[in-house]
C-alpha cells in the first residue's frame, strides 16, 4: 500500500506538470508579432514599441492605422510599416512610414517607443529564419547589428524574450575570431528534456520513501 500510494502521488504530480507547465514557444513562431492588423490587400503582424530604422518608402502624418496599412498596399515594394498614433517627439500624431525591407533583413529595433512595427504575413513567412533551438542572428543590437561585438562592444537583442548567448554566426566577424560572435536565444526555461528528467527524479524519490 505504501508503494502504491507513492506511485499514485507521482502520477498526480506528472499530470499537474503537464497541465500547468507551458512549453517553450516553437522556434518557427517567434518571428511573428503578437498584434494583428488587417488591410485591403494583406494581413499584418505587428510588435508594439518597435520600428525599422531608415529604408522608408514614404512617411506621412495625420493618418489612421488602417490608412497606413492601405498605403503600404498601394506601394509595390512595401514590406510593412511603422505607425505612431500619438506624437512621437519629432513628428505629429498619426505618423506612418512604409518600409522597403523586412524586419528579418533590416535594422529592426524593439525600443519601447511610440511606434508599432507591422509586416505583411506573407513577407514574414517568405523570410522566416530556420532557427536552431530558438536561437537567431538577425536581432542583434551591437553597433552594426551583425552579431559581432569585439573589444567590449555592447551586446543585446532587439526582441523581448531573447537573451545574449555565445556562439552563432556572423558574416563580418572573421578578423575578430569566434569569441566576438554571439547570438540571441529564447530566454531559458524548463525544456522538454529537463522537465522529463525532473519528473523521473521525483518519481524515483517517491518510490524510495
N, C-alpha and C. Protein backbone atom coordinates (compact mmCIF):
# COMPACT_ATOMS: atom_id res chain seq x y z
N UNK A 1 0.83 -1.21 0.00
CA UNK A 1 0.00 0.00 0.00
C UNK A 1 0.87 1.27 0.00
N UNK A 2 1.98 1.17 0.71
CA UNK A 2 2.88 2.32 0.79
C UNK A 2 3.43 2.67 -0.59
N UNK A 3 3.87 1.64 -1.32
CA UNK A 3 4.40 1.88 -2.66
C UNK A 3 3.31 2.35 -3.62
N UNK A 4 2.12 1.79 -3.48
CA UNK A 4 1.01 2.18 -4.34
C UNK A 4 0.64 3.64 -4.11
N UNK A 5 0.64 4.06 -2.84
CA UNK A 5 0.33 5.46 -2.53
C UNK A 5 1.35 6.39 -3.18
N UNK A 6 2.62 6.03 -3.06
CA UNK A 6 3.66 6.85 -3.65
C UNK A 6 3.55 6.92 -5.17
N UNK A 7 3.20 5.79 -5.75
CA UNK A 7 3.06 5.74 -7.21
C UNK A 7 1.92 6.64 -7.67
N UNK A 8 0.79 6.58 -6.96
CA UNK A 8 -0.35 7.41 -7.32
C UNK A 8 -0.03 8.89 -7.14
N UNK A 9 0.69 9.23 -6.08
CA UNK A 9 1.08 10.61 -5.88
C UNK A 9 1.98 11.10 -7.00
N UNK A 10 2.88 10.22 -7.43
CA UNK A 10 3.78 10.59 -8.53
C UNK A 10 2.99 10.81 -9.82
N UNK A 11 2.01 9.97 -10.07
CA UNK A 11 1.19 10.13 -11.28
C UNK A 11 0.44 11.45 -11.26
N UNK A 12 -0.11 11.80 -10.09
CA UNK A 12 -0.82 13.07 -9.97
C UNK A 12 0.12 14.24 -10.24
N UNK A 13 1.33 14.15 -9.72
CA UNK A 13 2.30 15.23 -9.92
C UNK A 13 2.66 15.37 -11.40
N UNK A 14 2.83 14.25 -12.09
CA UNK A 14 3.15 14.29 -13.52
C UNK A 14 2.03 14.96 -14.29
N UNK A 15 0.80 14.61 -14.02
CA UNK A 15 -0.34 15.24 -14.69
C UNK A 15 -0.40 16.73 -14.40
N UNK A 16 -0.07 17.09 -13.16
CA UNK A 16 -0.07 18.51 -12.77
C UNK A 16 0.96 19.29 -13.59
N UNK A 17 2.14 18.71 -13.74
CA UNK A 17 3.19 19.38 -14.51
C UNK A 17 2.79 19.52 -15.97
N UNK A 18 2.20 18.49 -16.53
CA UNK A 18 1.80 18.52 -17.93
C UNK A 18 0.78 19.62 -18.18
N UNK A 19 -0.10 19.82 -17.22
CA UNK A 19 -1.18 20.80 -17.38
C UNK A 19 -0.68 22.22 -17.20
N UNK A 20 0.14 22.50 -16.17
CA UNK A 20 0.46 23.88 -15.85
C UNK A 20 1.76 24.39 -16.46
N UNK A 21 2.68 23.49 -16.86
CA UNK A 21 3.95 23.94 -17.41
C UNK A 21 3.80 24.10 -18.91
N UNK A 22 3.96 25.32 -19.37
CA UNK A 22 3.81 25.59 -20.79
C UNK A 22 5.13 25.37 -21.50
N UNK A 23 5.12 24.75 -22.69
CA UNK A 23 6.37 24.52 -23.41
C UNK A 23 6.95 25.81 -23.95
N UNK A 24 8.20 25.77 -24.29
CA UNK A 24 8.85 26.88 -24.95
C UNK A 24 8.16 27.19 -26.26
N UNK A 25 8.09 28.45 -26.67
CA UNK A 25 7.48 28.75 -27.95
C UNK A 25 8.25 28.08 -29.07
N UNK A 26 7.54 27.55 -30.07
CA UNK A 26 8.20 26.93 -31.21
C UNK A 26 9.04 27.96 -31.93
N UNK A 27 10.24 27.54 -32.36
CA UNK A 27 11.14 28.50 -33.00
C UNK A 27 10.52 29.14 -34.23
N UNK A 28 9.69 28.38 -34.95
CA UNK A 28 9.11 28.90 -36.18
C UNK A 28 8.06 29.98 -35.93
N UNK A 29 7.64 30.16 -34.67
CA UNK A 29 6.61 31.13 -34.37
C UNK A 29 7.17 32.45 -33.86
N UNK A 30 8.46 32.51 -33.56
CA UNK A 30 8.99 33.66 -32.85
C UNK A 30 9.16 34.89 -33.71
N UNK A 31 9.13 34.76 -35.03
CA UNK A 31 9.33 35.91 -35.89
C UNK A 31 8.03 36.68 -36.13
N UNK A 32 6.90 36.15 -35.66
CA UNK A 32 5.61 36.78 -35.87
C UNK A 32 5.25 37.68 -34.68
N UNK A 33 4.82 38.90 -35.00
CA UNK A 33 4.37 39.79 -33.96
C UNK A 33 3.04 39.34 -33.37
N UNK A 34 2.79 39.64 -32.09
CA UNK A 34 1.56 39.18 -31.43
C UNK A 34 0.31 39.99 -31.81
N UNK A 35 0.51 41.15 -32.44
CA UNK A 35 -0.63 42.01 -32.79
C UNK A 35 -0.97 41.85 -34.26
N UNK A 36 -2.25 41.96 -34.58
CA UNK A 36 -2.72 41.76 -35.95
C UNK A 36 -3.39 43.02 -36.47
N UNK A 37 -3.13 43.33 -37.74
CA UNK A 37 -3.77 44.44 -38.43
C UNK A 37 -4.21 43.95 -39.80
N UNK A 38 -5.44 44.28 -40.18
CA UNK A 38 -5.97 43.88 -41.49
C UNK A 38 -6.02 45.08 -42.41
N UNK A 39 -5.92 44.81 -43.72
CA UNK A 39 -5.99 45.89 -44.71
C UNK A 39 -6.69 45.37 -45.95
N UNK A 40 -6.75 46.21 -46.98
CA UNK A 40 -7.44 45.82 -48.21
C UNK A 40 -6.68 44.77 -49.00
N UNK A 41 -5.37 44.64 -48.74
CA UNK A 41 -4.58 43.69 -49.55
C UNK A 41 -3.92 42.59 -48.75
N UNK A 42 -3.77 42.76 -47.45
CA UNK A 42 -2.97 41.79 -46.71
C UNK A 42 -3.29 41.82 -45.22
N UNK A 43 -2.85 40.78 -44.54
CA UNK A 43 -2.86 40.73 -43.08
C UNK A 43 -1.45 41.04 -42.60
N UNK A 44 -1.36 41.83 -41.53
CA UNK A 44 -0.07 42.22 -40.98
C UNK A 44 0.09 41.64 -39.57
N UNK A 45 1.33 41.34 -39.20
CA UNK A 45 1.64 41.01 -37.80
C UNK A 45 2.56 42.09 -37.27
N UNK A 46 2.36 42.49 -36.01
CA UNK A 46 3.00 43.71 -35.50
C UNK A 46 3.58 43.53 -34.11
N UNK A 47 4.59 44.37 -33.82
CA UNK A 47 5.18 44.48 -32.49
C UNK A 47 4.98 45.92 -32.01
N UNK A 48 4.49 46.08 -30.77
CA UNK A 48 4.41 47.41 -30.16
C UNK A 48 5.81 47.87 -29.75
N UNK A 49 5.98 49.19 -29.65
CA UNK A 49 7.22 49.74 -29.15
C UNK A 49 8.44 49.38 -29.98
N UNK A 50 8.28 49.34 -31.30
CA UNK A 50 9.39 48.94 -32.15
C UNK A 50 9.31 49.64 -33.50
N UNK A 51 10.40 49.59 -34.24
CA UNK A 51 10.40 50.19 -35.57
C UNK A 51 11.58 49.66 -36.37
N UNK A 52 11.56 49.91 -37.68
CA UNK A 52 12.69 49.61 -38.55
C UNK A 52 13.31 50.93 -38.96
N UNK A 53 14.56 51.13 -38.60
CA UNK A 53 15.23 52.40 -38.89
C UNK A 53 15.54 52.53 -40.37
N UNK A 54 15.27 53.71 -40.91
CA UNK A 54 15.59 54.04 -42.31
C UNK A 54 14.82 53.12 -43.29
N UNK A 55 15.30 53.05 -44.53
CA UNK A 55 14.69 52.22 -45.57
C UNK A 55 13.21 52.54 -45.79
N UNK A 56 12.83 53.80 -45.58
CA UNK A 56 11.44 54.20 -45.77
C UNK A 56 11.13 54.45 -47.25
N UNK A 57 9.95 54.01 -47.66
CA UNK A 57 9.45 54.36 -49.00
C UNK A 57 8.82 55.73 -48.94
N UNK A 58 8.01 55.93 -47.91
CA UNK A 58 7.35 57.23 -47.72
C UNK A 58 7.00 57.40 -46.26
N UNK A 59 6.86 58.64 -45.83
CA UNK A 59 6.42 58.96 -44.48
C UNK A 59 5.37 60.07 -44.56
N UNK A 60 4.23 59.84 -43.94
CA UNK A 60 3.16 60.83 -43.92
C UNK A 60 2.65 60.96 -42.49
N UNK A 61 1.96 62.04 -42.22
CA UNK A 61 1.43 62.32 -40.88
C UNK A 61 -0.07 62.55 -40.95
N UNK A 62 -0.72 62.38 -39.80
CA UNK A 62 -2.16 62.63 -39.67
C UNK A 62 -2.98 61.63 -40.47
N UNK A 63 -2.63 60.34 -40.36
CA UNK A 63 -3.42 59.26 -40.97
C UNK A 63 -3.75 58.24 -39.89
N UNK A 64 -4.74 57.43 -40.16
CA UNK A 64 -5.11 56.37 -39.22
C UNK A 64 -4.25 55.13 -39.49
N UNK A 65 -4.28 54.19 -38.58
CA UNK A 65 -3.54 52.94 -38.76
C UNK A 65 -4.04 52.20 -40.00
N UNK A 66 -5.34 52.19 -40.19
CA UNK A 66 -5.92 51.50 -41.36
C UNK A 66 -5.46 52.16 -42.66
N UNK A 67 -5.40 53.49 -42.65
CA UNK A 67 -4.94 54.21 -43.84
C UNK A 67 -3.46 53.94 -44.10
N UNK A 68 -2.70 53.79 -43.04
CA UNK A 68 -1.28 53.48 -43.17
C UNK A 68 -1.10 52.09 -43.80
N UNK A 69 -1.90 51.13 -43.33
CA UNK A 69 -1.83 49.77 -43.89
C UNK A 69 -2.21 49.77 -45.36
N UNK A 70 -3.24 50.54 -45.70
CA UNK A 70 -3.67 50.62 -47.10
C UNK A 70 -2.63 51.32 -47.96
N UNK A 71 -1.92 52.31 -47.40
CA UNK A 71 -0.87 52.98 -48.14
C UNK A 71 0.22 51.99 -48.52
N UNK A 72 0.56 51.11 -47.58
CA UNK A 72 1.56 50.07 -47.86
C UNK A 72 1.06 49.17 -48.99
N UNK A 73 -0.22 48.88 -48.98
CA UNK A 73 -0.81 48.04 -50.04
C UNK A 73 -0.65 48.68 -51.42
N UNK A 74 -0.68 50.00 -51.47
CA UNK A 74 -0.63 50.70 -52.75
C UNK A 74 0.79 50.84 -53.31
N UNK A 75 1.79 50.45 -52.52
CA UNK A 75 3.18 50.58 -52.94
C UNK A 75 3.77 49.20 -53.24
N UNK A 76 4.26 49.03 -54.45
CA UNK A 76 4.69 47.71 -54.93
C UNK A 76 5.76 47.07 -54.05
N UNK A 77 6.70 47.85 -53.57
CA UNK A 77 7.83 47.29 -52.83
C UNK A 77 7.65 47.35 -51.32
N UNK A 78 6.48 47.71 -50.87
CA UNK A 78 6.26 47.84 -49.42
C UNK A 78 6.19 46.48 -48.75
N UNK A 79 7.00 46.30 -47.71
CA UNK A 79 7.03 45.06 -46.93
C UNK A 79 6.22 45.19 -45.63
N UNK A 80 6.10 46.43 -45.16
CA UNK A 80 5.39 46.68 -43.91
C UNK A 80 5.44 48.16 -43.58
N UNK A 81 5.07 48.51 -42.36
CA UNK A 81 5.06 49.93 -41.99
C UNK A 81 5.27 50.11 -40.50
N UNK A 82 5.71 51.29 -40.13
CA UNK A 82 5.80 51.72 -38.73
C UNK A 82 4.76 52.81 -38.52
N UNK A 83 3.99 52.69 -37.44
CA UNK A 83 2.90 53.64 -37.21
C UNK A 83 2.89 54.12 -35.77
N UNK A 84 2.79 55.45 -35.59
CA UNK A 84 2.68 56.04 -34.26
C UNK A 84 1.36 56.82 -34.18
N UNK A 85 0.48 56.37 -33.33
CA UNK A 85 -0.83 57.01 -33.18
C UNK A 85 -0.70 58.38 -32.51
N UNK A 86 0.28 58.51 -31.62
CA UNK A 86 0.45 59.75 -30.87
C UNK A 86 1.71 60.49 -31.31
N UNK A 87 1.87 61.70 -30.84
CA UNK A 87 3.06 62.50 -31.13
C UNK A 87 4.30 61.77 -30.64
N UNK A 88 5.28 61.60 -31.51
CA UNK A 88 6.45 60.79 -31.17
C UNK A 88 7.63 61.62 -30.66
N UNK A 89 7.43 62.90 -30.47
CA UNK A 89 8.51 63.76 -30.01
C UNK A 89 9.16 64.55 -31.13
N UNK A 90 8.93 64.13 -32.37
CA UNK A 90 9.51 64.81 -33.52
C UNK A 90 8.46 65.20 -34.54
N UNK A 91 7.55 64.27 -34.82
CA UNK A 91 6.53 64.49 -35.83
C UNK A 91 5.14 64.45 -35.21
N UNK A 92 4.13 64.82 -35.98
CA UNK A 92 2.78 64.87 -35.46
C UNK A 92 2.17 63.49 -35.25
N UNK A 93 0.99 63.49 -34.65
CA UNK A 93 0.28 62.23 -34.40
C UNK A 93 -0.14 61.61 -35.73
N UNK A 94 -0.34 60.30 -35.70
CA UNK A 94 -0.74 59.59 -36.91
C UNK A 94 0.38 59.50 -37.93
N UNK A 95 1.61 59.29 -37.44
CA UNK A 95 2.78 59.20 -38.31
C UNK A 95 2.90 57.80 -38.90
N UNK A 96 3.03 57.73 -40.21
CA UNK A 96 3.09 56.44 -40.92
C UNK A 96 4.30 56.44 -41.84
N UNK A 97 5.19 55.46 -41.66
CA UNK A 97 6.34 55.28 -42.55
C UNK A 97 6.31 53.87 -43.12
N UNK A 98 6.19 53.76 -44.43
CA UNK A 98 6.18 52.46 -45.08
C UNK A 98 7.62 52.02 -45.36
N UNK A 99 7.86 50.72 -45.31
CA UNK A 99 9.22 50.20 -45.37
C UNK A 99 9.44 49.31 -46.58
N UNK A 100 10.65 49.39 -47.15
CA UNK A 100 11.00 48.59 -48.31
C UNK A 100 11.70 47.29 -47.94
N UNK A 101 11.95 47.06 -46.64
CA UNK A 101 12.64 45.84 -46.22
C UNK A 101 11.84 45.12 -45.13
N UNK A 102 12.14 43.85 -44.99
CA UNK A 102 11.53 43.03 -43.95
C UNK A 102 12.27 43.23 -42.64
N UNK A 103 11.61 42.99 -41.52
CA UNK A 103 12.28 43.07 -40.22
C UNK A 103 13.39 42.02 -40.12
N UNK A 104 13.29 40.95 -40.90
CA UNK A 104 14.33 39.92 -40.88
C UNK A 104 15.60 40.38 -41.57
N UNK A 105 15.48 41.34 -42.48
CA UNK A 105 16.63 41.79 -43.27
C UNK A 105 17.11 43.18 -42.90
N UNK A 106 16.42 43.86 -42.02
CA UNK A 106 16.77 45.24 -41.72
C UNK A 106 17.07 45.47 -40.26
N UNK A 107 17.39 46.72 -39.93
CA UNK A 107 17.72 47.08 -38.54
C UNK A 107 16.47 47.21 -37.68
N UNK A 108 15.80 46.10 -37.42
CA UNK A 108 14.60 46.10 -36.59
C UNK A 108 14.99 46.33 -35.14
N UNK A 109 14.32 47.26 -34.49
CA UNK A 109 14.68 47.63 -33.12
C UNK A 109 13.46 47.66 -32.22
N UNK A 110 13.52 46.93 -31.12
CA UNK A 110 12.49 46.99 -30.09
C UNK A 110 12.97 47.97 -29.02
N UNK A 111 12.40 49.18 -29.02
CA UNK A 111 12.91 50.22 -28.13
C UNK A 111 11.87 50.77 -27.16
N UNK A 112 10.66 50.20 -27.15
CA UNK A 112 9.64 50.66 -26.22
C UNK A 112 9.07 52.03 -26.54
N UNK A 113 9.29 52.51 -27.76
CA UNK A 113 8.81 53.83 -28.16
C UNK A 113 7.34 53.85 -28.56
N UNK A 114 6.95 54.90 -29.27
CA UNK A 114 5.53 55.10 -29.60
C UNK A 114 5.10 54.34 -30.85
N UNK A 115 6.05 53.81 -31.60
CA UNK A 115 5.70 53.17 -32.87
C UNK A 115 5.32 51.70 -32.73
N UNK A 116 4.41 51.29 -33.59
CA UNK A 116 4.07 49.89 -33.78
C UNK A 116 4.63 49.49 -35.15
N UNK A 117 5.42 48.43 -35.18
CA UNK A 117 6.04 47.98 -36.43
C UNK A 117 5.28 46.77 -36.97
N UNK A 118 4.76 46.91 -38.18
CA UNK A 118 3.93 45.86 -38.78
C UNK A 118 4.56 45.35 -40.08
N UNK A 119 4.35 44.10 -40.35
CA UNK A 119 4.87 43.49 -41.57
C UNK A 119 3.82 42.55 -42.15
N UNK A 120 3.75 42.49 -43.47
CA UNK A 120 2.80 41.59 -44.13
C UNK A 120 3.12 40.15 -43.74
N UNK A 121 2.08 39.38 -43.45
CA UNK A 121 2.29 37.98 -43.07
C UNK A 121 3.03 37.20 -44.14
N UNK A 122 2.73 37.45 -45.41
CA UNK A 122 3.40 36.74 -46.49
C UNK A 122 4.89 37.06 -46.53
N UNK A 123 5.24 38.28 -46.18
CA UNK A 123 6.66 38.66 -46.12
C UNK A 123 7.35 37.92 -44.98
N UNK A 124 6.70 37.88 -43.83
CA UNK A 124 7.27 37.18 -42.68
C UNK A 124 7.48 35.71 -43.00
N UNK A 125 6.49 35.10 -43.65
CA UNK A 125 6.59 33.68 -44.00
C UNK A 125 7.72 33.43 -45.00
N UNK A 126 7.85 34.28 -46.00
CA UNK A 126 8.87 34.07 -47.02
C UNK A 126 10.28 34.32 -46.50
N UNK A 127 10.41 35.11 -45.43
CA UNK A 127 11.72 35.42 -44.87
C UNK A 127 11.98 34.67 -43.57
N UNK A 128 11.14 33.70 -43.26
CA UNK A 128 11.26 33.01 -41.98
C UNK A 128 12.62 32.34 -41.84
N UNK A 129 13.32 32.65 -40.74
CA UNK A 129 14.63 32.07 -40.49
C UNK A 129 14.47 30.65 -39.95
N UNK A 130 15.43 29.82 -40.29
CA UNK A 130 15.47 28.47 -39.75
C UNK A 130 16.26 28.53 -38.44
N UNK A 131 15.55 28.66 -37.35
CA UNK A 131 16.20 28.83 -36.05
C UNK A 131 16.76 27.52 -35.53
N UNK A 132 17.80 27.62 -34.75
CA UNK A 132 18.41 26.47 -34.12
C UNK A 132 18.04 26.49 -32.64
N UNK A 133 17.01 25.71 -32.29
CA UNK A 133 16.55 25.63 -30.90
C UNK A 133 16.21 27.01 -30.35
N UNK A 134 15.55 27.84 -31.15
CA UNK A 134 15.11 29.14 -30.67
C UNK A 134 16.16 30.23 -30.71
N UNK A 135 17.31 29.99 -31.35
CA UNK A 135 18.36 31.00 -31.44
C UNK A 135 18.36 31.63 -32.84
N UNK A 136 18.74 32.91 -32.90
CA UNK A 136 18.74 33.61 -34.17
C UNK A 136 19.83 34.69 -34.18
N UNK A 137 20.20 35.11 -35.40
CA UNK A 137 21.29 36.07 -35.58
C UNK A 137 20.85 37.29 -36.37
N UNK A 138 19.56 37.60 -36.31
CA UNK A 138 19.04 38.74 -37.08
C UNK A 138 18.48 39.85 -36.19
N UNK A 139 18.59 39.72 -34.87
CA UNK A 139 18.03 40.73 -33.97
C UNK A 139 19.08 41.25 -32.99
N UNK A 140 20.35 41.17 -33.37
CA UNK A 140 21.42 41.65 -32.51
C UNK A 140 21.47 43.17 -32.51
N UNK A 141 21.86 43.77 -31.38
CA UNK A 141 21.85 45.23 -31.25
C UNK A 141 23.24 45.82 -31.01
N UNK A 142 24.29 45.13 -31.43
CA UNK A 142 25.63 45.71 -31.36
C UNK A 142 25.70 46.87 -32.36
N UNK A 143 26.85 47.50 -32.47
CA UNK A 143 26.96 48.74 -33.25
C UNK A 143 26.49 48.60 -34.69
N UNK A 144 26.76 47.45 -35.31
CA UNK A 144 26.38 47.26 -36.71
C UNK A 144 25.27 46.21 -36.89
N UNK A 145 24.66 45.78 -35.78
CA UNK A 145 23.56 44.81 -35.82
C UNK A 145 23.94 43.55 -36.59
N UNK A 146 25.20 43.12 -36.43
CA UNK A 146 25.68 41.96 -37.18
C UNK A 146 26.11 40.80 -36.29
N UNK A 147 25.78 40.87 -35.00
CA UNK A 147 26.11 39.81 -34.03
C UNK A 147 27.62 39.63 -33.90
N UNK A 148 28.35 40.71 -34.13
CA UNK A 148 29.80 40.71 -33.96
C UNK A 148 30.14 41.85 -33.00
N UNK A 149 30.67 41.52 -31.83
CA UNK A 149 30.91 42.53 -30.80
C UNK A 149 32.28 42.33 -30.16
N UNK A 150 33.34 42.78 -30.82
CA UNK A 150 34.68 42.64 -30.26
C UNK A 150 35.01 43.77 -29.28
N UNK A 151 36.04 43.56 -28.50
CA UNK A 151 36.62 44.60 -27.63
C UNK A 151 35.60 45.29 -26.73
N UNK A 152 34.74 44.51 -26.09
CA UNK A 152 33.79 45.08 -25.14
C UNK A 152 32.61 45.79 -25.75
N UNK A 153 32.42 45.68 -27.05
CA UNK A 153 31.26 46.31 -27.69
C UNK A 153 29.98 45.74 -27.07
N UNK A 154 29.02 46.59 -26.71
CA UNK A 154 27.81 46.10 -26.03
C UNK A 154 27.01 45.13 -26.90
N UNK A 155 26.50 44.10 -26.26
CA UNK A 155 25.70 43.08 -26.94
C UNK A 155 24.27 43.16 -26.46
N UNK A 156 23.34 42.79 -27.31
CA UNK A 156 21.94 42.81 -26.92
C UNK A 156 21.05 42.22 -27.99
N UNK A 157 19.77 42.11 -27.65
CA UNK A 157 18.76 41.54 -28.56
C UNK A 157 17.58 42.51 -28.63
N UNK A 158 17.07 42.72 -29.83
CA UNK A 158 16.05 43.76 -30.02
C UNK A 158 14.64 43.28 -29.73
N UNK A 159 14.42 41.98 -29.56
CA UNK A 159 13.08 41.48 -29.27
C UNK A 159 12.99 41.00 -27.83
N UNK A 160 11.84 41.23 -27.19
CA UNK A 160 11.67 40.75 -25.81
C UNK A 160 11.64 39.23 -25.78
N UNK A 161 12.11 38.66 -24.68
CA UNK A 161 12.12 37.21 -24.54
C UNK A 161 13.40 36.56 -25.02
N UNK A 162 14.34 37.35 -25.57
CA UNK A 162 15.60 36.81 -26.05
C UNK A 162 16.75 37.29 -25.18
N UNK A 163 17.77 36.42 -25.03
CA UNK A 163 18.93 36.71 -24.21
C UNK A 163 20.20 36.44 -25.02
N UNK A 164 21.25 37.19 -24.74
CA UNK A 164 22.53 37.02 -25.42
C UNK A 164 23.20 35.71 -24.98
N UNK A 165 23.65 34.92 -25.96
CA UNK A 165 24.40 33.70 -25.71
C UNK A 165 25.62 33.66 -26.62
N UNK A 166 26.65 32.93 -26.21
CA UNK A 166 27.82 32.75 -27.05
C UNK A 166 27.47 31.86 -28.24
N UNK A 167 28.27 31.97 -29.30
CA UNK A 167 28.05 31.13 -30.46
C UNK A 167 27.26 31.84 -31.54
N UNK A 168 26.76 31.07 -32.49
CA UNK A 168 26.03 31.64 -33.59
C UNK A 168 26.93 31.93 -34.78
N UNK A 169 26.43 32.73 -35.70
CA UNK A 169 27.20 33.07 -36.91
C UNK A 169 27.15 34.56 -37.18
N UNK A 170 28.20 35.06 -37.81
CA UNK A 170 28.26 36.45 -38.23
C UNK A 170 29.12 36.53 -39.49
N UNK A 171 28.61 37.20 -40.50
CA UNK A 171 29.32 37.28 -41.77
C UNK A 171 30.44 38.31 -41.77
N UNK A 172 30.54 39.11 -40.71
CA UNK A 172 31.51 40.21 -40.70
C UNK A 172 32.45 40.15 -39.50
N UNK A 173 32.69 38.96 -38.97
CA UNK A 173 33.47 38.87 -37.74
C UNK A 173 34.71 38.00 -37.89
N UNK A 174 35.08 37.67 -39.13
CA UNK A 174 36.19 36.74 -39.34
C UNK A 174 37.51 37.26 -38.76
N UNK A 175 37.74 38.57 -38.83
CA UNK A 175 39.01 39.11 -38.35
C UNK A 175 39.09 39.17 -36.83
N UNK A 176 37.96 39.02 -36.14
CA UNK A 176 37.96 39.12 -34.69
C UNK A 176 37.92 37.76 -33.98
N UNK A 177 37.59 36.72 -34.71
CA UNK A 177 37.54 35.40 -34.12
C UNK A 177 36.18 35.06 -33.52
N UNK A 178 36.01 33.82 -33.17
CA UNK A 178 34.71 33.31 -32.70
C UNK A 178 34.29 33.90 -31.36
N UNK A 179 35.26 34.38 -30.56
CA UNK A 179 34.90 34.94 -29.25
C UNK A 179 34.07 36.22 -29.37
N UNK A 180 34.15 36.88 -30.52
CA UNK A 180 33.41 38.12 -30.72
C UNK A 180 31.99 37.89 -31.25
N UNK A 181 31.71 36.65 -31.64
CA UNK A 181 30.41 36.31 -32.22
C UNK A 181 29.43 35.93 -31.12
N UNK A 182 28.20 36.39 -31.24
CA UNK A 182 27.17 35.98 -30.28
C UNK A 182 25.84 35.79 -31.01
N UNK A 183 24.84 35.33 -30.29
CA UNK A 183 23.51 35.10 -30.86
C UNK A 183 22.45 35.41 -29.82
N UNK A 184 21.22 35.51 -30.27
CA UNK A 184 20.09 35.78 -29.36
C UNK A 184 19.21 34.54 -29.30
N UNK A 185 19.01 34.03 -28.11
CA UNK A 185 18.22 32.81 -27.91
C UNK A 185 17.07 33.10 -26.97
N UNK A 186 16.00 32.33 -27.14
CA UNK A 186 14.87 32.45 -26.23
C UNK A 186 15.35 32.26 -24.80
N UNK A 187 14.84 33.08 -23.91
CA UNK A 187 15.28 33.03 -22.51
C UNK A 187 15.09 31.65 -21.94
N UNK A 188 15.99 31.26 -21.08
CA UNK A 188 15.98 29.90 -20.53
C UNK A 188 14.70 29.61 -19.78
N UNK A 189 14.23 28.39 -19.94
CA UNK A 189 13.06 27.92 -19.22
C UNK A 189 13.17 26.44 -19.03
N UNK A 190 12.12 25.79 -18.64
CA UNK A 190 12.15 24.34 -18.48
C UNK A 190 11.93 23.72 -19.85
N UNK A 191 12.97 23.10 -20.40
CA UNK A 191 12.85 22.45 -21.69
C UNK A 191 12.18 21.10 -21.50
N UNK A 192 11.81 20.46 -22.61
CA UNK A 192 11.12 19.18 -22.52
C UNK A 192 12.02 18.12 -21.88
N UNK A 193 13.32 18.10 -22.23
CA UNK A 193 14.22 17.12 -21.64
C UNK A 193 14.41 17.38 -20.15
N UNK A 194 14.55 18.66 -19.78
CA UNK A 194 14.72 18.98 -18.37
C UNK A 194 13.51 18.62 -17.55
N UNK A 195 12.31 18.84 -18.11
CA UNK A 195 11.08 18.51 -17.39
C UNK A 195 10.96 17.00 -17.20
N UNK A 196 11.28 16.22 -18.22
CA UNK A 196 11.20 14.77 -18.10
C UNK A 196 12.18 14.27 -17.05
N UNK A 197 13.39 14.89 -17.04
CA UNK A 197 14.37 14.48 -16.03
C UNK A 197 13.90 14.80 -14.63
N UNK A 198 13.29 15.96 -14.46
CA UNK A 198 12.77 16.36 -13.15
C UNK A 198 11.68 15.40 -12.69
N UNK A 199 10.76 15.07 -13.60
CA UNK A 199 9.66 14.17 -13.25
C UNK A 199 10.20 12.80 -12.87
N UNK A 200 11.17 12.31 -13.64
CA UNK A 200 11.75 11.00 -13.35
C UNK A 200 12.39 10.98 -11.97
N UNK A 201 13.13 12.05 -11.64
CA UNK A 201 13.79 12.11 -10.33
C UNK A 201 12.79 12.12 -9.20
N UNK A 202 11.69 12.85 -9.37
CA UNK A 202 10.67 12.93 -8.32
C UNK A 202 9.96 11.60 -8.14
N UNK A 203 9.70 10.91 -9.26
CA UNK A 203 9.06 9.59 -9.18
C UNK A 203 9.94 8.63 -8.40
N UNK A 204 11.24 8.62 -8.71
CA UNK A 204 12.15 7.74 -8.00
C UNK A 204 12.19 8.09 -6.50
N UNK A 205 12.19 9.40 -6.20
CA UNK A 205 12.20 9.82 -4.80
C UNK A 205 10.97 9.33 -4.06
N UNK A 206 9.81 9.43 -4.69
CA UNK A 206 8.58 8.94 -4.06
C UNK A 206 8.65 7.44 -3.82
N UNK A 207 9.21 6.71 -4.76
CA UNK A 207 9.26 5.25 -4.64
C UNK A 207 10.20 4.81 -3.51
N UNK A 208 11.18 5.65 -3.23
CA UNK A 208 12.16 5.27 -2.21
C UNK A 208 11.76 5.71 -0.80
N UNK A 209 10.67 6.51 -0.68
CA UNK A 209 10.25 6.98 0.63
C UNK A 209 9.70 5.80 1.45
